[in-house]
Amino acid sequence: MPQYTPEGVERARELVEYLNALAEAKGATPAQISLAWMLSEKPYIIPIPGSRNPERMRENLAAADIVLTSQEVADINAQLDSMDLMVFGGHAGK
């Protein structure tokens, strides 16, 4: 999975830093911010995060209570649109 190689991590560094800062500001985890973003983008899509840990499941469910502003969603989208992400299968993330 190329996104987890040193090069893949470096390509995503700016986005990860933004998500970490946003999560800290909202008292959330970066995973919760990611789930909240997915929910705000397409309300008819239900993300199904996997977990074997009941605490992680509670954490994932709490993401539905996180409110992202339209500017925060736009900032995440802008970063994703400008990134050359490495993803599984060798396809660009664009």
Protein backbone atom coordinates (compact mmCIF):
# COMPACT_ATOMS: atom_id res chain seq x y z
CA MET A 1 0.00 0.00 0.00
CA PRO A 2 2.02 2.94 -1.31
CA GLN A 3 0.29 5.57 0.83
CA TYR A 4 2.10 4.08 3.85
CA THR A 5 5.58 4.22 2.35
CA PRO A 6 7.88 7.08 3.37
CA GLU A 7 7.23 8.77 0.01
CA GLY A 8 3.47 8.33 0.33
CA VAL A 9 3.47 9.73 3.85
CA GLU A 10 5.51 12.74 2.72
CA ARG A 11 3.09 13.45 -0.13
CA ALA A 12 0.19 13.51 2.33
CA ARG A 13 2.06 15.41 5.08
CA GLU A 14 0.39 18.80 4.55
CA LEU A 15 -3.10 17.31 4.62
CA VAL A 16 -2.30 15.19 7.68
CA GLU A 17 -0.97 18.25 9.50
CA TYR A 18 -4.15 20.17 8.65
CA LEU A 19 -6.40 17.32 9.78
CA ASN A 20 -4.43 16.95 13.03
CA ALA A 21 -4.75 20.68 13.76
CA LEU A 22 -8.46 20.68 12.92
CA ALA A 23 -9.01 17.63 15.12
CA GLU A 24 -7.21 19.26 18.02
CA ALA A 25 -9.25 22.45 17.63
CA LYS A 26 -12.49 20.47 17.68
CA GLY A 27 -11.48 18.09 20.49
CA ALA A 28 -11.66 15.17 18.08
CA THR A 29 -9.39 12.60 16.51
CA PRO A 30 -8.16 12.87 12.91
CA ALA A 31 -10.20 9.75 12.11
CA GLN A 32 -13.32 11.47 13.42
CA ILE A 33 -12.58 14.50 11.24
CA SER A 34 -12.21 12.22 8.23
CA LEU A 35 -15.54 10.55 8.96
CA ALA A 36 -17.23 13.91 9.62
CA TRP A 37 -15.89 15.17 6.28
CA MET A 38 -17.28 12.12 4.46
CA LEU A 39 -20.66 12.62 6.10
CA SER A 40 -20.72 16.31 5.17
CA GLU A 41 -19.73 15.66 1.57
CA LYS A 42 -22.33 13.08 0.70
CA PRO A 43 -25.05 12.75 3.35
CA TYR A 44 -26.56 9.79 1.48
CA ILE A 45 -23.30 7.81 1.81
CA ILE A 46 -22.69 6.00 5.07
CA PRO A 47 -19.02 5.27 5.77
CA ILE A 48 -18.45 1.88 7.34
CA PRO A 49 -15.20 2.03 9.31
CA GLY A 50 -14.00 -1.31 10.58
CA SER A 51 -12.88 -1.96 14.12
CA ARG A 52 -12.51 -4.82 16.55
CA ASN A 53 -12.32 -2.46 19.49
CA PRO A 54 -15.60 -1.25 21.07
CA GLU A 55 -13.97 2.03 22.12
CA ARG A 56 -12.99 2.73 18.49
CA MET A 57 -16.55 2.02 17.40
CA ARG A 58 -17.84 4.56 19.94
CA GLU A 59 -15.21 7.02 18.69
CA ASN A 60 -16.31 6.44 15.09
CA LEU A 61 -19.98 6.93 15.97
CA ALA A 62 -19.15 10.20 17.74
CA ALA A 63 -17.88 11.57 14.42
CA ALA A 64 -21.52 12.12 13.46
CA ASP A 65 -21.70 14.82 16.16
CA ILE A 66 -18.78 16.81 14.75
CA VAL A 67 -19.82 19.83 12.73
CA LEU A 68 -17.45 21.04 10.05
CA THR A 69 -17.98 24.49 8.64
CA SER A 70 -18.38 24.93 4.91
CA GLN A 71 -14.95 26.59 4.92
CA GLU A 72 -13.34 23.63 6.68
CA VAL A 73 -14.88 21.24 4.15
CA ALA A 74 -13.72 23.50 1.31
CA ASP A 75 -10.19 23.59 2.78
CA ILE A 76 -10.03 19.79 2.97
CA ASN A 77 -11.35 19.49 -0.59
CA ALA A 78 -8.88 22.05 -1.89
CA GLN A 79 -5.98 20.17 -0.34
CA LEU A 80 -7.20 16.86 -1.73
CA ASP A 81 -7.70 18.36 -5.19
CA SER A 82 -4.15 19.71 -5.26
CA MET A 83 -2.42 16.56 -4.02
CA ASP A 84 -0.69 13.83 -5.99
CA LEU A 85 -1.57 11.01 -3.61
CA MET A 86 -0.19 7.50 -3.87
CA VAL A 87 -2.93 4.93 -3.48
CA PHE A 88 -3.27 1.17 -3.59
CA GLY A 89 -3.19 -0.23 -7.11
CA GLY A 90 -0.79 2.42 -8.40
CA HIS A 91 -3.48 4.88 -9.45
CA ALA A 92 -3.20 8.57 -8.73
CA GLY A 93 -5.65 9.84 -6.13
CA LYS A 94 -7.00 12.51 -8.48
